[in-house]
Amino acid sequence: MKPIIACCGLDCAACEARIATIADDDEMRVSVVEKWKTQYNSPDISIEMINCTGCTEPGVKLSHCPECEIRKCALSKGFLTCAECEILGTCETVKFVHQYTSEALENLKSLQ
């Protein structure tokens, strides 16, 4: 599967929400909801929220995407991803993703 790198460096192609959306698989959406309720401490997440084609791809986005500070910052600078930004290594906005998911930073570095 070819990677689809989000603004922050996460691989959208590997995201269960995107996979469920592309496959239009409601059973998978239910599974994602149950997992994410616990994983992200989000008891209000619903199956209707599990629709996303990927951060940088055309189409529907997760409800959080319009509020995502990382995505808003990249788009405001005209960037597809944070890989284009000169302060990637010291950026406080994207830092929290990279401290928990080091492969996201590596994905961005591979785009530079």
PDB file of N, CA and C in Angstrom:
ATOM      1  N   MET A   1       0.843  -1.170   0.000  1.00  0.00           N
ATOM      2  CA  MET A   1       0.000   0.000   0.000  1.00  0.00           C
ATOM      3  C   MET A   1       0.895   1.242   0.000  1.00  0.00           C
ATOM      4  N   LYS A   2       0.629   2.142  -0.936  1.00  0.00           N
ATOM      5  CA  LYS A   2       1.413   3.368  -1.055  1.00  0.00           C
ATOM      6  C   LYS A   2       1.029   4.324   0.072  1.00  0.00           C
ATOM      7  N   PRO A   3       2.008   4.893   0.758  1.00  0.00           N
ATOM      8  CA  PRO A   3       1.702   5.838   1.847  1.00  0.00           C
ATOM      9  C   PRO A   3       0.977   7.080   1.342  1.00  0.00           C
ATOM     10  N   ILE A   4       0.121   7.606   2.192  1.00  0.00           N
ATOM     11  CA  ILE A   4      -0.524   8.901   1.970  1.00  0.00           C
ATOM     12  C   ILE A   4      -0.209   9.706   3.219  1.00  0.00           C
ATOM     13  N   ILE A   5       0.748  10.597   3.113  1.00  0.00           N
ATOM     14  CA  ILE A   5       1.270  11.286   4.288  1.00  0.00           C
ATOM     15  C   ILE A   5       0.433  12.520   4.622  1.00  0.00           C
ATOM     16  N   ALA A   6      -0.054  12.538   5.859  1.00  0.00           N
ATOM     17  CA  ALA A   6      -0.835  13.663   6.378  1.00  0.00           C
ATOM     18  C   ALA A   6       0.085  14.842   6.657  1.00  0.00           C
ATOM     19  N   CYS A   7      -0.494  15.981   6.933  1.00  0.00           N
ATOM     20  CA  CYS A   7       0.290  17.181   7.260  1.00  0.00           C
ATOM     21  C   CYS A   7       1.309  16.891   8.351  1.00  0.00           C
ATOM     22  N   CYS A   8       0.905  16.153   9.381  1.00  0.00           N
ATOM     23  CA  CYS A   8       1.764  15.872  10.530  1.00  0.00           C
ATOM     24  C   CYS A   8       2.748  14.735  10.288  1.00  0.00           C
ATOM     25  N   GLY A   9       2.555  13.976   9.220  1.00  0.00           N
ATOM     26  CA  GLY A   9       3.453  12.871   8.922  1.00  0.00           C
ATOM     27  C   GLY A   9       2.840  11.494   9.125  1.00  0.00           C
ATOM     28  N   LEU A  10       1.675  11.425   9.754  1.00  0.00           N
ATOM     29  CA  LEU A  10       1.016  10.129   9.898  1.00  0.00           C
ATOM     30  C   LEU A  10       0.664   9.597   8.510  1.00  0.00           C
ATOM     31  N   ASP A  11       0.627   8.284   8.382  1.00  0.00           N
ATOM     32  CA  ASP A  11       0.303   7.656   7.106  1.00  0.00           C
ATOM     33  C   ASP A  11      -1.195   7.381   7.040  1.00  0.00           C
ATOM     34  N   CYS A  12      -1.921   8.215   6.324  1.00  0.00           N
ATOM     35  CA  CYS A  12      -3.372   8.059   6.208  1.00  0.00           C
ATOM     36  C   CYS A  12      -3.750   6.740   5.541  1.00  0.00           C
ATOM     37  N   ALA A  13      -2.905   6.229   4.667  1.00  0.00           N
ATOM     38  CA  ALA A  13      -3.218   4.976   3.978  1.00  0.00           C
ATOM     39  C   ALA A  13      -3.351   3.823   4.963  1.00  0.00           C
ATOM     40  N   ALA A  14      -2.688   3.922   6.105  1.00  0.00           N
ATOM     41  CA  ALA A  14      -2.742   2.868   7.121  1.00  0.00           C
ATOM     42  C   ALA A  14      -3.817   3.125   8.177  1.00  0.00           C
ATOM     43  N   CYS A  15      -4.504   4.254   8.090  1.00  0.00           N
ATOM     44  CA  CYS A  15      -5.512   4.633   9.088  1.00  0.00           C
ATOM     45  C   CYS A  15      -6.780   3.804   8.903  1.00  0.00           C
ATOM     46  N   GLU A  16      -7.251   3.235  10.001  1.00  0.00           N
ATOM     47  CA  GLU A  16      -8.444   2.393   9.957  1.00  0.00           C
ATOM     48  C   GLU A  16      -9.686   3.173   9.522  1.00  0.00           C
ATOM     49  N   ALA A  17      -9.782   4.437   9.883  1.00  0.00           N
ATOM     50  CA  ALA A  17     -10.933   5.242   9.468  1.00  0.00           C
ATOM     51  C   ALA A  17     -10.933   5.428   7.955  1.00  0.00           C
ATOM     52  N   ARG A  18      -9.780   5.683   7.382  1.00  0.00           N
ATOM     53  CA  ARG A  18      -9.693   5.840   5.927  1.00  0.00           C
ATOM     54  C   ARG A  18      -9.989   4.525   5.226  1.00  0.00           C
ATOM     55  N   ILE A  19      -9.426   3.458   5.738  1.00  0.00           N
ATOM     56  CA  ILE A  19      -9.651   2.140   5.133  1.00  0.00           C
ATOM     57  C   ILE A  19     -11.146   1.805   5.145  1.00  0.00           C
ATOM     58  N   ALA A  20     -11.807   2.054   6.280  1.00  0.00           N
ATOM     59  CA  ALA A  20     -13.247   1.799   6.386  1.00  0.00           C
ATOM     60  C   ALA A  20     -14.038   2.692   5.435  1.00  0.00           C
ATOM     61  N   THR A  21     -13.609   3.933   5.274  1.00  0.00           N
ATOM     62  CA  THR A  21     -14.290   4.866   4.380  1.00  0.00           C
ATOM     63  C   THR A  21     -14.166   4.417   2.932  1.00  0.00           C
ATOM     64  N   ILE A  22     -12.952   4.110   2.508  1.00  0.00           N
ATOM     65  CA  ILE A  22     -12.712   3.704   1.123  1.00  0.00           C
ATOM     66  C   ILE A  22     -13.475   2.421   0.802  1.00  0.00           C
ATOM     67  N   ALA A  23     -13.512   1.495   1.762  1.00  0.00           N
ATOM     68  CA  ALA A  23     -14.212   0.219   1.556  1.00  0.00           C
ATOM     69  C   ALA A  23     -15.712   0.325   1.820  1.00  0.00           C
ATOM     70  N   ASP A  24     -16.147   1.470   2.352  1.00  0.00           N
ATOM     71  CA  ASP A  24     -17.533   1.664   2.778  1.00  0.00           C
ATOM     72  C   ASP A  24     -17.977   0.486   3.643  1.00  0.00           C
ATOM     73  N   ASP A  25     -17.164   0.215   4.674  1.00  0.00           N
ATOM     74  CA  ASP A  25     -17.327  -0.958   5.534  1.00  0.00           C
ATOM     75  C   ASP A  25     -17.829  -0.536   6.918  1.00  0.00           C
ATOM     76  N   ASP A  26     -19.141  -0.668   7.129  1.00  0.00           N
ATOM     77  CA  ASP A  26     -19.731  -0.262   8.402  1.00  0.00           C
ATOM     78  C   ASP A  26     -19.288  -1.137   9.568  1.00  0.00           C
ATOM     79  N   GLU A  27     -19.015  -2.402   9.318  1.00  0.00           N
ATOM     80  CA  GLU A  27     -18.517  -3.274  10.392  1.00  0.00           C
ATOM     81  C   GLU A  27     -17.158  -2.779  10.881  1.00  0.00           C
ATOM     82  N   MET A  28     -16.320  -2.379   9.961  1.00  0.00           N
ATOM     83  CA  MET A  28     -15.010  -1.849  10.340  1.00  0.00           C
ATOM     84  C   MET A  28     -15.173  -0.522  11.070  1.00  0.00           C
ATOM     85  N   ARG A  29     -16.116   0.315  10.633  1.00  0.00           N
ATOM     86  CA  ARG A  29     -16.371   1.580  11.318  1.00  0.00           C
ATOM     87  C   ARG A  29     -16.754   1.330  12.782  1.00  0.00           C
ATOM     88  N   VAL A  30     -17.604   0.347  13.013  1.00  0.00           N
ATOM     89  CA  VAL A  30     -18.004   0.000  14.383  1.00  0.00           C
ATOM     90  C   VAL A  30     -16.777  -0.413  15.186  1.00  0.00           C
ATOM     91  N   SER A  31     -15.921  -1.219  14.597  1.00  0.00           N
ATOM     92  CA  SER A  31     -14.695  -1.662  15.266  1.00  0.00           C
ATOM     93  C   SER A  31     -13.789  -0.474  15.604  1.00  0.00           C
ATOM     94  N   VAL A  32     -13.659   0.457  14.666  1.00  0.00           N
ATOM     95  CA  VAL A  32     -12.830   1.649  14.881  1.00  0.00           C
ATOM     96  C   VAL A  32     -13.417   2.494  16.015  1.00  0.00           C
ATOM     97  N   VAL A  33     -14.734   2.664  16.014  1.00  0.00           N
ATOM     98  CA  VAL A  33     -15.393   3.443  17.072  1.00  0.00           C
ATOM     99  C   VAL A  33     -15.074   2.852  18.438  1.00  0.00           C
ATOM    100  N   GLU A  34     -15.249   1.562  18.585  1.00  0.00           N
ATOM    101  CA  GLU A  34     -15.002   0.921  19.879  1.00  0.00           C
ATOM    102  C   GLU A  34     -13.540   1.072  20.303  1.00  0.00           C
ATOM    103  N   LYS A  35     -12.632   0.897  19.368  1.00  0.00           N
ATOM    104  CA  LYS A  35     -11.197   1.032  19.665  1.00  0.00           C
ATOM    105  C   LYS A  35     -10.849   2.471  20.044  1.00  0.00           C
ATOM    106  N   TRP A  36     -11.324   3.435  19.256  1.00  0.00           N
ATOM    107  CA  TRP A  36     -10.969   4.835  19.476  1.00  0.00           C
ATOM    108  C   TRP A  36     -11.629   5.413  20.714  1.00  0.00           C
ATOM    109  N   LYS A  37     -12.793   4.910  21.095  1.00  0.00           N
ATOM    110  CA  LYS A  37     -13.433   5.384  22.327  1.00  0.00           C
ATOM    111  C   LYS A  37     -12.488   5.195  23.507  1.00  0.00           C
ATOM    112  N   THR A  38     -11.827   4.068  23.538  1.00  0.00           N
ATOM    113  CA  THR A  38     -10.884   3.768  24.616  1.00  0.00           C
ATOM    114  C   THR A  38      -9.528   4.419  24.358  1.00  0.00           C
ATOM    115  N   GLN A  39      -8.995   4.187  23.169  1.00  0.00           N
ATOM    116  CA  GLN A  39      -7.651   4.664  22.836  1.00  0.00           C
ATOM    117  C   GLN A  39      -7.517   6.178  22.968  1.00  0.00           C
ATOM    118  N   TYR A  40      -8.533   6.919  22.564  1.00  0.00           N
ATOM    119  CA  TYR A  40      -8.466   8.374  22.584  1.00  0.00           C
ATOM    120  C   TYR A  40      -9.365   8.997  23.652  1.00  0.00           C
ATOM    121  N   ASN A  41      -9.887   8.153  24.545  1.00  0.00           N
ATOM    122  CA  ASN A  41     -10.765   8.618  25.615  1.00  0.00           C
ATOM    123  C   ASN A  41     -11.861   9.528  25.034  1.00  0.00           C
ATOM    124  N   SER A  42     -12.548   8.994  24.031  1.00  0.00           N
ATOM    125  CA  SER A  42     -13.576   9.749  23.313  1.00  0.00           C
ATOM    126  C   SER A  42     -14.897   8.989  23.342  1.00  0.00           C
ATOM    127  N   PRO A  43     -15.595   9.036  24.470  1.00  0.00           N
ATOM    128  CA  PRO A  43     -16.838   8.259  24.583  1.00  0.00           C
ATOM    129  C   PRO A  43     -17.946   8.706  23.637  1.00  0.00           C
ATOM    130  N   ASP A  44     -17.861   9.907  23.094  1.00  0.00           N
ATOM    131  CA  ASP A  44     -18.916  10.426  22.224  1.00  0.00           C
ATOM    132  C   ASP A  44     -18.698  10.129  20.745  1.00  0.00           C
ATOM    133  N   ILE A  45     -17.614   9.448  20.395  1.00  0.00           N
ATOM    134  CA  ILE A  45     -17.358   9.148  18.990  1.00  0.00           C
ATOM    135  C   ILE A  45     -18.443   8.201  18.473  1.00  0.00           C
ATOM    136  N   SER A  46     -18.852   8.428  17.235  1.00  0.00           N
ATOM    137  CA  SER A  46     -19.920   7.612  16.652  1.00  0.00           C
ATOM    138  C   SER A  46     -19.493   7.067  15.290  1.00  0.00           C
ATOM    139  N   ILE A  47     -20.244   6.104  14.816  1.00  0.00           N
ATOM    140  CA  ILE A  47     -19.951   5.497  13.516  1.00  0.00           C
ATOM    141  C   ILE A  47     -20.018   6.536  12.393  1.00  0.00           C
ATOM    142  N   GLU A  48     -20.896   7.519  12.529  1.00  0.00           N
ATOM    143  CA  GLU A  48     -21.023   8.562  11.502  1.00  0.00           C
ATOM    144  C   GLU A  48     -19.758   9.411  11.392  1.00  0.00           C
ATOM    145  N   MET A  49     -18.976   9.445  12.439  1.00  0.00           N
ATOM    146  CA  MET A  49     -17.745  10.234  12.449  1.00  0.00           C
ATOM    147  C   MET A  49     -16.594   9.526  11.736  1.00  0.00           C
ATOM    148  N   ILE A  50     -16.724   8.242  11.506  1.00  0.00           N
ATOM    149  CA  ILE A  50     -15.644   7.472  10.884  1.00  0.00           C
ATOM    150  C   ILE A  50     -15.796   7.534   9.371  1.00  0.00           C
ATOM    151  N   ASN A  51     -15.459   8.676   8.829  1.00  0.00           N
ATOM    152  CA  ASN A  51     -15.483   8.935   7.395  1.00  0.00           C
ATOM    153  C   ASN A  51     -14.358   9.896   7.075  1.00  0.00           C
ATOM    154  N   CYS A  52     -13.353   9.415   6.370  1.00  0.00           N
ATOM    155  CA  CYS A  52     -12.216  10.270   6.031  1.00  0.00           C
ATOM    156  C   CYS A  52     -11.465   9.649   4.853  1.00  0.00           C
ATOM    157  N   THR A  53     -11.115  10.493   3.895  1.00  0.00           N
ATOM    158  CA  THR A  53     -10.333  10.025   2.750  1.00  0.00           C
ATOM    159  C   THR A  53      -8.839  10.295   2.930  1.00  0.00           C
ATOM    160  N   GLY A  54      -8.501  10.997   3.998  1.00  0.00           N
ATOM    161  CA  GLY A  54      -7.099  11.325   4.263  1.00  0.00           C
ATOM    162  C   GLY A  54      -6.892  12.822   4.339  1.00  0.00           C
ATOM    163  N   CYS A  55      -6.007  13.238   5.198  1.00  0.00           N
ATOM    164  CA  CYS A  55      -5.761  14.655   5.487  1.00  0.00           C
ATOM    165  C   CYS A  55      -5.450  15.476   4.240  1.00  0.00           C
ATOM    166  N   THR A  56      -4.651  14.928   3.352  1.00  0.00           N
ATOM    167  CA  THR A  56      -4.213  15.691   2.184  1.00  0.00           C
ATOM    168  C   THR A  56      -4.923  15.277   0.904  1.00  0.00           C
ATOM    169  N   GLU A  57      -5.882  14.383   1.030  1.00  0.00           N
ATOM    170  CA  GLU A  57      -6.618  13.877  -0.128  1.00  0.00           C
ATOM    171  C   GLU A  57      -7.954  14.600  -0.258  1.00  0.00           C
ATOM    172  N   PRO A  58      -8.483  14.714  -1.475  1.00  0.00           N
ATOM    173  CA  PRO A  58      -9.817  15.296  -1.639  1.00  0.00           C
ATOM    174  C   PRO A  58     -10.870  14.394  -0.992  1.00  0.00           C
ATOM    175  N   GLY A  59     -11.949  14.982  -0.576  1.00  0.00           N
ATOM    176  CA  GLY A  59     -13.049  14.198  -0.030  1.00  0.00           C
ATOM    177  C   GLY A  59     -13.310  14.505   1.426  1.00  0.00           C
ATOM    178  N   VAL A  60     -14.139  13.674   2.022  1.00  0.00           N
ATOM    179  CA  VAL A  60     -14.594  13.842   3.397  1.00  0.00           C
ATOM    180  C   VAL A  60     -13.434  13.714   4.394  1.00  0.00           C
ATOM    181  N   LYS A  61     -13.551  14.433   5.497  1.00  0.00           N
ATOM    182  CA  LYS A  61     -12.530  14.415   6.555  1.00  0.00           C
ATOM    183  C   LYS A  61     -13.170  14.077   7.889  1.00  0.00           C
ATOM    184  N   LEU A  62     -12.363  13.586   8.814  1.00  0.00           N
ATOM    185  CA  LEU A  62     -12.829  13.394  10.184  1.00  0.00           C
ATOM    186  C   LEU A  62     -13.280  14.732  10.744  1.00  0.00           C
ATOM    187  N   SER A  63     -14.185  14.703  11.676  1.00  0.00           N
ATOM    188  CA  SER A  63     -14.724  15.953  12.227  1.00  0.00           C
ATOM    189  C   SER A  63     -13.650  16.813  12.885  1.00  0.00           C
ATOM    190  N   HIS A  64     -12.556  16.215  13.317  1.00  0.00           N
ATOM    191  CA  HIS A  64     -11.468  16.956  13.958  1.00  0.00           C
ATOM    192  C   HIS A  64     -10.621  17.743  12.946  1.00  0.00           C
ATOM    193  N   CYS A  65     -10.586  17.319  11.715  1.00  0.00           N
ATOM    194  CA  CYS A  65      -9.678  17.919  10.730  1.00  0.00           C
ATOM    195  C   CYS A  65      -9.786  19.438  10.600  1.00  0.00           C
ATOM    196  N   PRO A  66     -10.990  20.021  10.531  1.00  0.00           N
ATOM    197  CA  PRO A  66     -11.058  21.486  10.420  1.00  0.00           C
ATOM    198  C   PRO A  66     -10.484  22.204  11.644  1.00  0.00           C
ATOM    199  N   GLU A  67     -10.430  21.517  12.783  1.00  0.00           N
ATOM    200  CA  GLU A  67      -9.914  22.107  14.009  1.00  0.00           C
ATOM    201  C   GLU A  67      -8.439  21.794  14.249  1.00  0.00           C
ATOM    202  N   CYS A  68      -7.868  20.898  13.472  1.00  0.00           N
ATOM    203  CA  CYS A  68      -6.492  20.445  13.690  1.00  0.00           C
ATOM    204  C   CYS A  68      -5.517  21.601  13.475  1.00  0.00           C
ATOM    205  N   GLU A  69      -4.813  21.978  14.539  1.00  0.00           N
ATOM    206  CA  GLU A  69      -3.874  23.103  14.471  1.00  0.00           C
ATOM    207  C   GLU A  69      -2.718  22.813  13.518  1.00  0.00           C
ATOM    208  N   ILE A  70      -2.306  21.576  13.425  1.00  0.00           N
ATOM    209  CA  ILE A  70      -1.210  21.204  12.517  1.00  0.00           C
ATOM    210  C   ILE A  70      -1.652  21.413  11.077  1.00  0.00           C
ATOM    211  N   ARG A  71      -2.804  20.888  10.749  1.00  0.00           N
ATOM    212  CA  ARG A  71      -3.342  21.004   9.390  1.00  0.00           C
ATOM    213  C   ARG A  71      -3.600  22.468   9.044  1.00  0.00           C
ATOM    214  N   LYS A  72      -4.204  23.222   9.968  1.00  0.00           N
ATOM    215  CA  LYS A  72      -4.470  24.639   9.719  1.00  0.00           C
ATOM    216  C   LYS A  72      -3.177  25.401   9.458  1.00  0.00           C
ATOM    217  N   CYS A  73      -2.137  25.099  10.224  1.00  0.00           N
ATOM    218  CA  CYS A  73      -0.858  25.786  10.056  1.00  0.00           C
ATOM    219  C   CYS A  73      -0.251  25.476   8.688  1.00  0.00           C
ATOM    220  N   ALA A  74      -0.196  24.194   8.342  1.00  0.00           N
ATOM    221  CA  ALA A  74       0.389  23.805   7.050  1.00  0.00           C
ATOM    222  C   ALA A  74      -0.375  24.448   5.893  1.00  0.00           C
ATOM    223  N   LEU A  75      -1.686  24.353   5.926  1.00  0.00           N
ATOM    224  CA  LEU A  75      -2.487  24.927   4.842  1.00  0.00           C
ATOM    225  C   LEU A  75      -2.352  26.444   4.770  1.00  0.00           C
ATOM    226  N   SER A  76      -2.244  27.113   5.929  1.00  0.00           N
ATOM    227  CA  SER A  76      -2.109  28.575   5.928  1.00  0.00           C
ATOM    228  C   SER A  76      -0.799  29.020   5.290  1.00  0.00           C
ATOM    229  N   LYS A  77       0.206  28.133   5.322  1.00  0.00           N
ATOM    230  CA  LYS A  77       1.504  28.438   4.717  1.00  0.00           C
ATOM    231  C   LYS A  77       1.582  27.944   3.272  1.00  0.00           C
ATOM    232  N   GLY A  78       0.512  27.316   2.800  1.00  0.00           N
ATOM    233  CA  GLY A  78       0.504  26.796   1.438  1.00  0.00           C
ATOM    234  C   GLY A  78       1.230  25.474   1.299  1.00  0.00           C
ATOM    235  N   PHE A  79       1.436  24.774   2.416  1.00  0.00           N
ATOM    236  CA  PHE A  79       2.153  23.497   2.410  1.00  0.00           C
ATOM    237  C   PHE A  79       1.177  22.330   2.349  1.00  0.00           C
ATOM    238  N   LEU A  80       1.583  21.267   1.669  1.00  0.00           N
ATOM    239  CA  LEU A  80       0.806  20.037   1.685  1.00  0.00           C
ATOM    240  C   LEU A  80       1.052  19.295   2.999  1.00  0.00           C
ATOM    241  N   THR A  81       2.316  19.295   3.441  1.00  0.00           N
ATOM    242  CA  THR A  81       2.687  18.666   4.718  1.00  0.00           C
ATOM    243  C   THR A  81       3.704  19.547   5.440  1.00  0.00           C
ATOM    244  N   CYS A  82       3.965  19.198   6.671  1.00  0.00           N
ATOM    245  CA  CYS A  82       4.961  19.916   7.472  1.00  0.00           C
ATOM    246  C   CYS A  82       6.388  19.681   6.967  1.00  0.00           C
ATOM    247  N   ALA A  83       6.588  18.736   6.063  1.00  0.00           N
ATOM    248  CA  ALA A  83       7.916  18.493   5.500  1.00  0.00           C
ATOM    249  C   ALA A  83       8.449  19.720   4.774  1.00  0.00           C
ATOM    250  N   GLU A  84       7.552  20.560   4.302  1.00  0.00           N
ATOM    251  CA  GLU A  84       7.949  21.758   3.565  1.00  0.00           C
ATOM    252  C   GLU A  84       8.368  22.914   4.471  1.00  0.00           C
ATOM    253  N   CYS A  85       8.150  22.777   5.766  1.00  0.00           N
ATOM    254  CA  CYS A  85       8.399  23.871   6.697  1.00  0.00           C
ATOM    255  C   CYS A  85       9.832  23.832   7.218  1.00  0.00           C
ATOM    256  N   GLU A  86      10.459  24.999   7.270  1.00  0.00           N
ATOM    257  CA  GLU A  86      11.850  25.096   7.712  1.00  0.00           C
ATOM    258  C   GLU A  86      12.022  24.853   9.216  1.00  0.00           C
ATOM    259  N   ILE A  87      10.955  24.920   9.995  1.00  0.00           N
ATOM    260  CA  ILE A  87      11.089  24.709  11.441  1.00  0.00           C
ATOM    261  C   ILE A  87      10.558  23.336  11.885  1.00  0.00           C
ATOM    262  N   LEU A  88      10.445  22.401  10.961  1.00  0.00           N
ATOM    263  CA  LEU A  88       9.912  21.078  11.280  1.00  0.00           C
ATOM    264  C   LEU A  88      10.554  20.479  12.530  1.00  0.00           C
ATOM    265  N   GLY A  89      11.849  20.528  12.627  1.00  0.00           N
ATOM    266  CA  GLY A  89      12.557  19.899  13.747  1.00  0.00           C
ATOM    267  C   GLY A  89      12.323  20.535  15.103  1.00  0.00           C
ATOM    268  N   THR A  90      11.875  21.785  15.126  1.00  0.00           N
ATOM    269  CA  THR A  90      11.678  22.486  16.391  1.00  0.00           C
ATOM    270  C   THR A  90      10.243  22.960  16.608  1.00  0.00           C
ATOM    271  N   CYS A  91       9.358  22.593  15.729  1.00  0.00           N
ATOM    272  CA  CYS A  91       7.977  23.084  15.779  1.00  0.00           C
ATOM    273  C   CYS A  91       7.220  22.523  16.978  1.00  0.00           C
ATOM    274  N   GLU A  92       6.666  23.414  17.771  1.00  0.00           N
ATOM    275  CA  GLU A  92       5.880  23.020  18.940  1.00  0.00           C
ATOM    276  C   GLU A  92       4.489  22.512  18.547  1.00  0.00           C
ATOM    277  N   THR A  93       3.984  22.955  17.409  1.00  0.00           N
ATOM    278  CA  THR A  93       2.637  22.560  16.988  1.00  0.00           C
ATOM    279  C   THR A  93       2.573  21.072  16.648  1.00  0.00           C
ATOM    280  N   VAL A  94       3.554  20.577  15.913  1.00  0.00           N
ATOM    281  CA  VAL A  94       3.536  19.177  15.478  1.00  0.00           C
ATOM    282  C   VAL A  94       4.282  18.247  16.441  1.00  0.00           C
ATOM    283  N   LYS A  95       4.974  18.829  17.387  1.00  0.00           N
ATOM    284  CA  LYS A  95       5.823  18.067  18.311  1.00  0.00           C
ATOM    285  C   LYS A  95       5.069  16.956  19.045  1.00  0.00           C
ATOM    286  N   PHE A  96       3.845  17.226  19.484  1.00  0.00           N
ATOM    287  CA  PHE A  96       3.134  16.221  20.277  1.00  0.00           C
ATOM    288  C   PHE A  96       2.851  14.957  19.476  1.00  0.00           C
ATOM    289  N   VAL A  97       2.628  15.076  18.177  1.00  0.00           N
ATOM    290  CA  VAL A  97       2.419  13.878  17.349  1.00  0.00           C
ATOM    291  C   VAL A  97       3.716  13.091  17.266  1.00  0.00           C
ATOM    292  N   HIS A  98       4.803  13.768  17.035  1.00  0.00           N
ATOM    293  CA  HIS A  98       6.090  13.105  16.845  1.00  0.00           C
ATOM    294  C   HIS A  98       6.642  12.481  18.114  1.00  0.00           C
ATOM    295  N   GLN A  99       6.300  13.022  19.276  1.00  0.00           N
ATOM    296  CA  GLN A  99       6.794  12.419  20.515  1.00  0.00           C
ATOM    297  C   GLN A  99       6.133  11.075  20.783  1.00  0.00           C
ATOM    298  N   TYR A 100       4.942  10.857  20.217  1.00  0.00           N
ATOM    299  CA  TYR A 100       4.230   9.590  20.402  1.00  0.00           C
ATOM    300  C   TYR A 100       4.329   8.670  19.195  1.00  0.00           C
ATOM    301  N   THR A 101       4.614   9.251  18.041  1.00  0.00           N
ATOM    302  CA  THR A 101       4.655   8.477  16.802  1.00  0.00           C
ATOM    303  C   THR A 101       5.876   8.905  15.998  1.00  0.00           C
ATOM    304  N   SER A 102       7.013   8.305  16.310  1.00  0.00           N
ATOM    305  CA  SER A 102       8.261   8.714  15.662  1.00  0.00           C
ATOM    306  C   SER A 102       8.244   8.452  14.158  1.00  0.00           C
ATOM    307  N   GLU A 103       7.464   7.463  13.705  1.00  0.00           N
ATOM    308  CA  GLU A 103       7.427   7.208  12.259  1.00  0.00           C
ATOM    309  C   GLU A 103       6.799   8.372  11.493  1.00  0.00           C
ATOM    310  N   ALA A 104       5.963   9.170  12.162  1.00  0.00           N
ATOM    311  CA  ALA A 104       5.382  10.340  11.499  1.00  0.00           C
ATOM    312  C   ALA A 104       6.486  11.336  11.123  1.00  0.00           C
ATOM    313  N   LEU A 105       7.414  11.568  12.022  1.00  0.00           N
ATOM    314  CA  LEU A 105       8.535  12.460  11.726  1.00  0.00           C
ATOM    315  C   LEU A 105       9.407  11.869  10.625  1.00  0.00           C
ATOM    316  N   GLU A 106       9.643  10.586  10.680  1.00  0.00           N
ATOM    317  CA  GLU A 106      10.449   9.927   9.645  1.00  0.00           C
ATOM    318  C   GLU A 106       9.761  10.026   8.285  1.00  0.00           C
ATOM    319  N   ASN A 107       8.444   9.887   8.264  1.00  0.00           N
ATOM    320  CA  ASN A 107       7.697  10.039   7.004  1.00  0.00           C
ATOM    321  C   ASN A 107       7.909  11.428   6.412  1.00  0.00           C
ATOM    322  N   LEU A 108       7.851  12.437   7.261  1.00  0.00           N
ATOM    323  CA  LEU A 108       8.052  13.812   6.788  1.00  0.00           C
ATOM    324  C   LEU A 108       9.486  14.021   6.288  1.00  0.00           C
ATOM    325  N   LYS A 109      10.450  13.504   7.012  1.00  0.00           N
ATOM    326  CA  LYS A 109      11.843  13.644   6.597  1.00  0.00           C
ATOM    327  C   LYS A 109      12.086  12.968   5.253  1.00  0.00           C
ATOM    328  N   SER A 110      11.375  11.870   4.998  1.00  0.00           N
ATOM    329  CA  SER A 110      11.546  11.170   3.720  1.00  0.00           C
ATOM    330  C   SER A 110      11.013  11.982   2.543  1.00  0.00           C
ATOM    331  N   LEU A 111      10.147  12.946   2.828  1.00  0.00           N
ATOM    332  CA  LEU A 111       9.594  13.803   1.780  1.00  0.00           C
ATOM    333  C   LEU A 111      10.483  15.002   1.463  1.00  0.00           C
ATOM    334  N   GLN A 112      11.435  15.289   2.336  1.00  0.00           N
ATOM    335  CA  GLN A 112      12.278  16.476   2.153  1.00  0.00           C
ATOM    336  C   GLN A 112      13.321  16.258   1.088  1.00  0.00           C
TER     337      GLN A 112
END
